[in-house]
């Protein structure tokens, strides 16, 4: 199931600014990828869907990094929560495997050994809802010189441009978020990203064109936008997600 449309509509219920998106990277060894994806698509998706149906989770998806090496985090879980209260109160929904599937968590998750990174929490700020189902996502993480100015420019310049380009060159949706935690310096001495934008596309060709400065980004007056200083721009395919 690849219904990422709800997740990256960002987000049809409640106030957009109240939404919390949690990104959780994990590194899965090459010889365990098939088993990992099977567990996620056949079992974890059902647990996540149960949490969504019960109002304990907004949406969930698993993304797979494109062009990853053995040393990279090659998968990314994306969790959407309605607000901070839901994050705090319903955060461990994935532990309900026995209730939903009759399988204890240590059994369900015990067959795959992966290296998980920390979780990254973002507050959603603005979005262009997806016009239709997307298959690919570009995630851009950076440190704008001035976050407030970057958000203002995103709303006044970037959003109108992308709204005009929607469904042209394969762009299906777009959005911006700001970091909640972690903040400050990371273990390598650099700064954690303070902002994130995403672009949803229909196919890999148009993703590549976008990354090369074409597709929907063509004609965008970059010089008028407060610098975002993107340090990571990742391409991901959508493996599975909730409805």
C-alpha atoms as a PDB file:
ATOM      1  CA  UNK A   1       0.000   0.000   0.000  1.00  0.00           C
ATOM      2  CA  UNK A   2       1.463   3.339  -1.031  1.00  0.00           C
ATOM      3  CA  UNK A   3      -1.084   5.868   0.107  1.00  0.00           C
ATOM      4  CA  UNK A   4       1.272   8.710   0.930  1.00  0.00           C
ATOM      5  CA  UNK A   5      -1.256  11.222  -0.330  1.00  0.00           C
ATOM      6  CA  UNK A   6      -2.781  11.787   3.104  1.00  0.00           C
ATOM      7  CA  UNK A   7       0.587  12.104   4.808  1.00  0.00           C
ATOM      8  CA  UNK A   8       2.094  14.619   2.441  1.00  0.00           C
ATOM      9  CA  UNK A   9      -1.074  16.640   2.005  1.00  0.00           C
ATOM     10  CA  UNK A  10       0.227  18.165   5.249  1.00  0.00           C
ATOM     11  CA  UNK A  11      -2.383  17.824   6.490  1.00  0.00           C
ATOM     12  CA  UNK A  12      -6.098  17.942   5.977  1.00  0.00           C
ATOM     13  CA  UNK A  13      -7.255  17.775   9.580  1.00  0.00           C
ATOM     14  CA  UNK A  14      -6.991  20.577  12.133  1.00  0.00           C
ATOM     15  CA  UNK A  15      -4.609  23.525  11.967  1.00  0.00           C
ATOM     16  CA  UNK A  16      -1.539  22.960   9.801  1.00  0.00           C
ATOM     17  CA  UNK A  17       0.703  24.801  12.262  1.00  0.00           C
ATOM     18  CA  UNK A  18      -0.246  22.299  14.970  1.00  0.00           C
ATOM     19  CA  UNK A  19       0.969  19.283  13.007  1.00  0.00           C
ATOM     20  CA  UNK A  20       4.147  17.535  14.139  1.00  0.00           C
ATOM     21  CA  UNK A  21       6.187  15.490  11.659  1.00  0.00           C
ATOM     22  CA  UNK A  22       8.741  13.048  13.061  1.00  0.00           C
ATOM     23  CA  UNK A  23      11.525  11.709  10.831  1.00  0.00           C
ATOM     24  CA  UNK A  24      13.336   8.573  11.994  1.00  0.00           C
ATOM     25  CA  UNK A  25      16.216   7.300   9.802  1.00  0.00           C
ATOM     26  CA  UNK A  26      17.402   3.694  10.012  1.00  0.00           C
ATOM     27  CA  UNK A  27      20.243   1.803   8.358  1.00  0.00           C
ATOM     28  CA  UNK A  28      19.293  -1.711   7.218  1.00  0.00           C
ATOM     29  CA  UNK A  29      22.053  -4.092   6.007  1.00  0.00           C
ATOM     30  CA  UNK A  30      21.713  -5.118   2.372  1.00  0.00           C
ATOM     31  CA  UNK A  31      21.087  -8.770   3.184  1.00  0.00           C
ATOM     32  CA  UNK A  32      18.156  -7.825   5.442  1.00  0.00           C
ATOM     33  CA  UNK A  33      16.378  -5.308   3.216  1.00  0.00           C
ATOM     34  CA  UNK A  34      13.870  -7.817   1.854  1.00  0.00           C
ATOM     35  CA  UNK A  35      12.901  -9.053   5.330  1.00  0.00           C
ATOM     36  CA  UNK A  36      12.692  -5.497   6.672  1.00  0.00           C
ATOM     37  CA  UNK A  37      10.386  -4.326   3.892  1.00  0.00           C
ATOM     38  CA  UNK A  38       8.173  -7.387   4.298  1.00  0.00           C
ATOM     39  CA  UNK A  39       7.742  -6.723   8.017  1.00  0.00           C
ATOM     40  CA  UNK A  40       6.979  -3.068   7.346  1.00  0.00           C
ATOM     41  CA  UNK A  41       4.508  -3.616   4.512  1.00  0.00           C
ATOM     42  CA  UNK A  42       2.721  -6.704   5.828  1.00  0.00           C
ATOM     43  CA  UNK A  43       2.712  -6.021   9.562  1.00  0.00           C
ATOM     44  CA  UNK A  44       3.810  -2.554  10.721  1.00  0.00           C
ATOM     45  CA  UNK A  45       1.525  -0.862   8.212  1.00  0.00           C
ATOM     46  CA  UNK A  46      -1.432  -2.611   9.846  1.00  0.00           C
ATOM     47  CA  UNK A  47      -0.342  -1.459  13.301  1.00  0.00           C
ATOM     48  CA  UNK A  48       0.052   2.098  12.041  1.00  0.00           C
ATOM     49  CA  UNK A  49      -3.319   1.971  10.292  1.00  0.00           C
ATOM     50  CA  UNK A  50      -4.923   0.783  13.523  1.00  0.00           C
ATOM     51  CA  UNK A  51      -3.373   3.752  15.341  1.00  0.00           C
ATOM     52  CA  UNK A  52      -4.671   6.125  12.657  1.00  0.00           C
ATOM     53  CA  UNK A  53      -8.153   4.592  12.797  1.00  0.00           C
ATOM     54  CA  UNK A  54      -8.224   5.018  16.578  1.00  0.00           C
ATOM     55  CA  UNK A  55      -7.101   8.629  16.409  1.00  0.00           C
ATOM     56  CA  UNK A  56      -3.723   7.968  17.995  1.00  0.00           C
ATOM     57  CA  UNK A  57      -1.701   8.895  14.897  1.00  0.00           C
ATOM     58  CA  UNK A  58      -2.245  11.199  11.952  1.00  0.00           C
ATOM     59  CA  UNK A  59      -0.397   9.191   9.313  1.00  0.00           C
ATOM     60  CA  UNK A  60       2.692   7.040   8.800  1.00  0.00           C
ATOM     61  CA  UNK A  61       4.942   6.059   5.907  1.00  0.00           C
ATOM     62  CA  UNK A  62       8.187   4.277   5.145  1.00  0.00           C
ATOM     63  CA  UNK A  63      10.530   5.877   2.599  1.00  0.00           C
ATOM     64  CA  UNK A  64      13.526   4.299   0.897  1.00  0.00           C
ATOM     65  CA  UNK A  65      16.585   6.413   0.118  1.00  0.00           C
ATOM     66  CA  UNK A  66      17.662   6.558  -3.517  1.00  0.00           C
ATOM     67  CA  UNK A  67      21.337   5.998  -4.346  1.00  0.00           C
ATOM     68  CA  UNK A  68      22.317   5.102  -0.763  1.00  0.00           C
ATOM     69  CA  UNK A  69      25.612   3.441   0.163  1.00  0.00           C
ATOM     70  CA  UNK A  70      26.214   0.724   2.750  1.00  0.00           C
ATOM     71  CA  UNK A  71      27.163   3.386   5.283  1.00  0.00           C
ATOM     72  CA  UNK A  72      24.047   5.531   4.770  1.00  0.00           C
ATOM     73  CA  UNK A  73      20.718   5.486   6.547  1.00  0.00           C
ATOM     74  CA  UNK A  74      18.794   3.860   3.721  1.00  0.00           C
ATOM     75  CA  UNK A  75      15.237   4.031   5.089  1.00  0.00           C
ATOM     76  CA  UNK A  76      13.216   6.737   6.764  1.00  0.00           C
ATOM     77  CA  UNK A  77      10.086   6.382   8.858  1.00  0.00           C
ATOM     78  CA  UNK A  78       7.812   9.415   8.749  1.00  0.00           C
ATOM     79  CA  UNK A  79       5.230   9.855  11.509  1.00  0.00           C
ATOM     80  CA  UNK A  80       2.601  12.567  11.493  1.00  0.00           C
ATOM     81  CA  UNK A  81       0.878  13.628  14.713  1.00  0.00           C
ATOM     82  CA  UNK A  82      -2.020  16.030  15.081  1.00  0.00           C
ATOM     83  CA  UNK A  83      -0.343  18.040  17.824  1.00  0.00           C
ATOM     84  CA  UNK A  84       2.200  17.887  20.634  1.00  0.00           C
ATOM     85  CA  UNK A  85      -0.300  16.194  22.971  1.00  0.00           C
ATOM     86  CA  UNK A  86      -0.666  13.280  20.563  1.00  0.00           C
ATOM     87  CA  UNK A  87       3.111  12.996  20.232  1.00  0.00           C
ATOM     88  CA  UNK A  88       3.547  12.802  23.985  1.00  0.00           C
ATOM     89  CA  UNK A  89       0.549  10.606  24.798  1.00  0.00           C
ATOM     90  CA  UNK A  90       0.497   8.186  21.829  1.00  0.00           C
ATOM     91  CA  UNK A  91       4.141   8.043  20.786  1.00  0.00           C
ATOM     92  CA  UNK A  92       4.688   4.260  21.174  1.00  0.00           C
ATOM     93  CA  UNK A  93       1.833   3.083  18.950  1.00  0.00           C
ATOM     94  CA  UNK A  94       4.124   0.545  17.191  1.00  0.00           C
ATOM     95  CA  UNK A  95       4.373  -1.462  20.423  1.00  0.00           C
ATOM     96  CA  UNK A  96       0.710  -2.523  20.001  1.00  0.00           C
ATOM     97  CA  UNK A  97       1.618  -5.419  17.705  1.00  0.00           C
ATOM     98  CA  UNK A  98       0.219  -8.046  20.048  1.00  0.00           C
ATOM     99  CA  UNK A  99      -3.097  -6.215  20.369  1.00  0.00           C
ATOM    100  CA  UNK A 100      -3.449  -5.667  16.615  1.00  0.00           C
ATOM    101  CA  UNK A 101      -1.754  -8.749  15.135  1.00  0.00           C
ATOM    102  CA  UNK A 102      -1.347 -11.179  17.995  1.00  0.00           C
ATOM    103  CA  UNK A 103       2.444 -10.949  17.677  1.00  0.00           C
ATOM    104  CA  UNK A 104       4.654  -9.722  20.504  1.00  0.00           C
ATOM    105  CA  UNK A 105       6.925  -6.785  19.598  1.00  0.00           C
ATOM    106  CA  UNK A 106      10.145  -8.670  20.344  1.00  0.00           C
ATOM    107  CA  UNK A 107       9.093 -11.413  17.939  1.00  0.00           C
ATOM    108  CA  UNK A 108       7.848  -9.101  15.188  1.00  0.00           C
ATOM    109  CA  UNK A 109      10.879  -6.831  15.205  1.00  0.00           C
ATOM    110  CA  UNK A 110      13.465  -9.371  16.273  1.00  0.00           C
ATOM    111  CA  UNK A 111      14.451 -10.747  12.865  1.00  0.00           C
ATOM    112  CA  UNK A 112      16.066  -7.579  11.520  1.00  0.00           C
ATOM    113  CA  UNK A 113      19.112  -5.873  12.930  1.00  0.00           C
ATOM    114  CA  UNK A 114      19.383  -2.248  11.941  1.00  0.00           C
ATOM    115  CA  UNK A 115      21.060   0.899  13.180  1.00  0.00           C
ATOM    116  CA  UNK A 116      18.495   3.564  13.978  1.00  0.00           C
ATOM    117  CA  UNK A 117      19.321   7.241  14.204  1.00  0.00           C
ATOM    118  CA  UNK A 118      17.634   9.637  16.629  1.00  0.00           C
ATOM    119  CA  UNK A 119      14.199  11.040  15.809  1.00  0.00           C
ATOM    120  CA  UNK A 120      13.872  14.521  14.343  1.00  0.00           C
ATOM    121  CA  UNK A 121      10.772  16.532  15.261  1.00  0.00           C
ATOM    122  CA  UNK A 122       9.416  19.279  13.015  1.00  0.00           C
ATOM    123  CA  UNK A 123       6.500  21.693  13.187  1.00  0.00           C
ATOM    124  CA  UNK A 124       4.625  22.011   9.915  1.00  0.00           C
ATOM    125  CA  UNK A 125       4.328  25.611   8.760  1.00  0.00           C
ATOM    126  CA  UNK A 126       2.738  25.637   5.298  1.00  0.00           C
ATOM    127  CA  UNK A 127       1.929  23.304   2.426  1.00  0.00           C
ATOM    128  CA  UNK A 128       0.383  22.854  -0.982  1.00  0.00           C
ATOM    129  CA  UNK A 129      -1.830  19.769  -0.623  1.00  0.00           C
ATOM    130  CA  UNK A 130      -1.031  16.912  -2.985  1.00  0.00           C
ATOM    131  CA  UNK A 131      -3.096  17.019  -6.136  1.00  0.00           C
ATOM    132  CA  UNK A 132      -2.784  13.249  -6.581  1.00  0.00           C
ATOM    133  CA  UNK A 133      -0.817  10.223  -5.432  1.00  0.00           C
ATOM    134  CA  UNK A 134       2.938  10.704  -5.411  1.00  0.00           C
ATOM    135  CA  UNK A 135       5.623   8.042  -5.704  1.00  0.00           C
ATOM    136  CA  UNK A 136       8.773  10.074  -4.986  1.00  0.00           C
ATOM    137  CA  UNK A 137       9.692  12.705  -2.410  1.00  0.00           C
ATOM    138  CA  UNK A 138      12.587  15.161  -2.171  1.00  0.00           C
ATOM    139  CA  UNK A 139      13.423  16.132   1.411  1.00  0.00           C
ATOM    140  CA  UNK A 140      15.544  19.244   1.842  1.00  0.00           C
ATOM    141  CA  UNK A 141      17.115  19.966   5.244  1.00  0.00           C
ATOM    142  CA  UNK A 142      18.911  23.237   5.878  1.00  0.00           C
ATOM    143  CA  UNK A 143      19.764  26.218   8.036  1.00  0.00           C
ATOM    144  CA  UNK A 144      18.302  29.469   6.697  1.00  0.00           C
ATOM    145  CA  UNK A 145      20.196  32.636   7.581  1.00  0.00           C
ATOM    146  CA  UNK A 146      16.929  33.982   8.954  1.00  0.00           C
ATOM    147  CA  UNK A 147      14.210  31.415   9.601  1.00  0.00           C
ATOM    148  CA  UNK A 148      11.406  33.987   9.914  1.00  0.00           C
ATOM    149  CA  UNK A 149      12.398  35.651   6.645  1.00  0.00           C
ATOM    150  CA  UNK A 150      12.745  32.260   4.965  1.00  0.00           C
ATOM    151  CA  UNK A 151       9.191  31.361   5.988  1.00  0.00           C
ATOM    152  CA  UNK A 152       7.888  34.709   4.784  1.00  0.00           C
ATOM    153  CA  UNK A 153       9.639  34.300   1.435  1.00  0.00           C
ATOM    154  CA  UNK A 154       8.403  30.714   1.157  1.00  0.00           C
ATOM    155  CA  UNK A 155       4.834  31.886   1.591  1.00  0.00           C
ATOM    156  CA  UNK A 156       5.017  34.936  -0.666  1.00  0.00           C
ATOM    157  CA  UNK A 157       7.375  33.708  -3.403  1.00  0.00           C
ATOM    158  CA  UNK A 158       7.887  29.933  -3.392  1.00  0.00           C
ATOM    159  CA  UNK A 159       4.351  28.795  -2.662  1.00  0.00           C
ATOM    160  CA  UNK A 160       2.678  30.893  -5.412  1.00  0.00           C
ATOM    161  CA  UNK A 161       5.268  29.704  -7.939  1.00  0.00           C
ATOM    162  CA  UNK A 162       4.793  26.042  -7.053  1.00  0.00           C
ATOM    163  CA  UNK A 163       1.008  26.436  -7.022  1.00  0.00           C
ATOM    164  CA  UNK A 164       1.229  27.592 -10.635  1.00  0.00           C
ATOM    165  CA  UNK A 165       3.520  24.647 -11.441  1.00  0.00           C
ATOM    166  CA  UNK A 166       1.375  22.031  -9.702  1.00  0.00           C
ATOM    167  CA  UNK A 167       0.823  19.052 -12.021  1.00  0.00           C
ATOM    168  CA  UNK A 168       3.271  20.594 -14.473  1.00  0.00           C
ATOM    169  CA  UNK A 169       6.627  18.829 -14.724  1.00  0.00           C
ATOM    170  CA  UNK A 170       5.280  16.188 -12.336  1.00  0.00           C
ATOM    171  CA  UNK A 171       5.097  18.280  -9.138  1.00  0.00           C
ATOM    172  CA  UNK A 172       2.229  17.046  -6.970  1.00  0.00           C
ATOM    173  CA  UNK A 173       2.761  18.706  -3.589  1.00  0.00           C
ATOM    174  CA  UNK A 174       5.088  20.859  -1.492  1.00  0.00           C
ATOM    175  CA  UNK A 175       5.567  22.051   2.082  1.00  0.00           C
ATOM    176  CA  UNK A 176       7.770  23.658   4.736  1.00  0.00           C
ATOM    177  CA  UNK A 177       8.491  22.818   8.380  1.00  0.00           C
ATOM    178  CA  UNK A 178      10.710  24.158  11.161  1.00  0.00           C
ATOM    179  CA  UNK A 179      12.741  22.124  13.647  1.00  0.00           C
ATOM    180  CA  UNK A 180      11.529  21.447  17.181  1.00  0.00           C
ATOM    181  CA  UNK A 181      14.302  19.104  18.312  1.00  0.00           C
ATOM    182  CA  UNK A 182      17.237  18.442  18.213  1.00  0.00           C
ATOM    183  CA  UNK A 183      18.674  21.933  17.956  1.00  0.00           C
ATOM    184  CA  UNK A 184      22.217  23.276  18.239  1.00  0.00           C
ATOM    185  CA  UNK A 185      25.439  21.466  17.328  1.00  0.00           C
ATOM    186  CA  UNK A 186      25.568  17.849  16.212  1.00  0.00           C
ATOM    187  CA  UNK A 187      28.291  15.333  17.069  1.00  0.00           C
ATOM    188  CA  UNK A 188      30.330  16.368  14.000  1.00  0.00           C
ATOM    189  CA  UNK A 189      30.402  19.987  15.133  1.00  0.00           C
ATOM    190  CA  UNK A 190      27.911  21.225  12.560  1.00  0.00           C
ATOM    191  CA  UNK A 191      24.499  22.691  13.163  1.00  0.00           C
ATOM    192  CA  UNK A 192      21.350  20.608  13.150  1.00  0.00           C
ATOM    193  CA  UNK A 193      18.976  21.666  10.384  1.00  0.00           C
ATOM    194  CA  UNK A 194      16.493  24.299  11.495  1.00  0.00           C
ATOM    195  CA  UNK A 195      14.111  23.953   8.534  1.00  0.00           C
ATOM    196  CA  UNK A 196      12.865  21.362   6.072  1.00  0.00           C
ATOM    197  CA  UNK A 197      11.036  21.552   2.774  1.00  0.00           C
ATOM    198  CA  UNK A 198       9.634  18.714   0.696  1.00  0.00           C
ATOM    199  CA  UNK A 199       8.642  18.226  -2.931  1.00  0.00           C
ATOM    200  CA  UNK A 200       6.354  15.391  -3.993  1.00  0.00           C
ATOM    201  CA  UNK A 201       6.735  14.111  -7.552  1.00  0.00           C
ATOM    202  CA  UNK A 202       5.143  11.579  -9.853  1.00  0.00           C
ATOM    203  CA  UNK A 203       8.300   9.846 -11.101  1.00  0.00           C
ATOM    204  CA  UNK A 204      12.085   9.705 -10.771  1.00  0.00           C
ATOM    205  CA  UNK A 205      12.766  11.488 -14.044  1.00  0.00           C
ATOM    206  CA  UNK A 206      10.994  14.619 -12.894  1.00  0.00           C
ATOM    207  CA  UNK A 207      12.697  14.390  -9.505  1.00  0.00           C
ATOM    208  CA  UNK A 208      16.063  14.400 -11.257  1.00  0.00           C
ATOM    209  CA  UNK A 209      15.044  17.380 -13.374  1.00  0.00           C
ATOM    210  CA  UNK A 210      13.994  19.251 -10.249  1.00  0.00           C
ATOM    211  CA  UNK A 211      17.294  18.516  -8.530  1.00  0.00           C
ATOM    212  CA  UNK A 212      19.084  19.801 -11.633  1.00  0.00           C
ATOM    213  CA  UNK A 213      17.223  23.103 -11.464  1.00  0.00           C
ATOM    214  CA  UNK A 214      14.480  22.319 -13.935  1.00  0.00           C
ATOM    215  CA  UNK A 215      10.942  20.855 -13.628  1.00  0.00           C
ATOM    216  CA  UNK A 216       8.822  22.880 -11.182  1.00  0.00           C
ATOM    217  CA  UNK A 217      11.780  24.846  -9.828  1.00  0.00           C
ATOM    218  CA  UNK A 218      12.500  26.401 -13.219  1.00  0.00           C
ATOM    219  CA  UNK A 219      11.716  30.104 -13.184  1.00  0.00           C
ATOM    220  CA  UNK A 220      11.691  30.390  -9.393  1.00  0.00           C
ATOM    221  CA  UNK A 221      13.444  33.686  -8.471  1.00  0.00           C
ATOM    222  CA  UNK A 222      15.982  32.130  -6.103  1.00  0.00           C
ATOM    223  CA  UNK A 223      17.813  35.448  -5.712  1.00  0.00           C
ATOM    224  CA  UNK A 224      14.755  36.944  -3.988  1.00  0.00           C
ATOM    225  CA  UNK A 225      14.514  34.198  -1.362  1.00  0.00           C
ATOM    226  CA  UNK A 226      16.369  34.259   1.950  1.00  0.00           C
ATOM    227  CA  UNK A 227      19.145  31.610   1.662  1.00  0.00           C
ATOM    228  CA  UNK A 228      18.083  28.192   2.955  1.00  0.00           C
ATOM    229  CA  UNK A 229      21.620  26.742   3.057  1.00  0.00           C
ATOM    230  CA  UNK A 230      20.437  23.188   2.410  1.00  0.00           C
ATOM    231  CA  UNK A 231      22.998  20.695   3.698  1.00  0.00           C
ATOM    232  CA  UNK A 232      21.071  17.559   2.765  1.00  0.00           C
ATOM    233  CA  UNK A 233      18.767  17.073  -0.212  1.00  0.00           C
ATOM    234  CA  UNK A 234      17.617  13.472  -0.287  1.00  0.00           C
ATOM    235  CA  UNK A 235      15.535  11.567  -2.821  1.00  0.00           C
ATOM    236  CA  UNK A 236      13.170   8.905  -1.490  1.00  0.00           C
ATOM    237  CA  UNK A 237      10.723   6.439  -2.967  1.00  0.00           C
ATOM    238  CA  UNK A 238       7.550   5.583  -1.062  1.00  0.00           C
ATOM    239  CA  UNK A 239       7.523   1.977   0.150  1.00  0.00           C
ATOM    240  CA  UNK A 240       4.314   1.856   2.174  1.00  0.00           C
ATOM    241  CA  UNK A 241       2.054   4.008   4.311  1.00  0.00           C
ATOM    242  CA  UNK A 242      -1.327   4.440   5.951  1.00  0.00           C
ATOM    243  CA  UNK A 243      -4.542   5.374   4.218  1.00  0.00           C
END
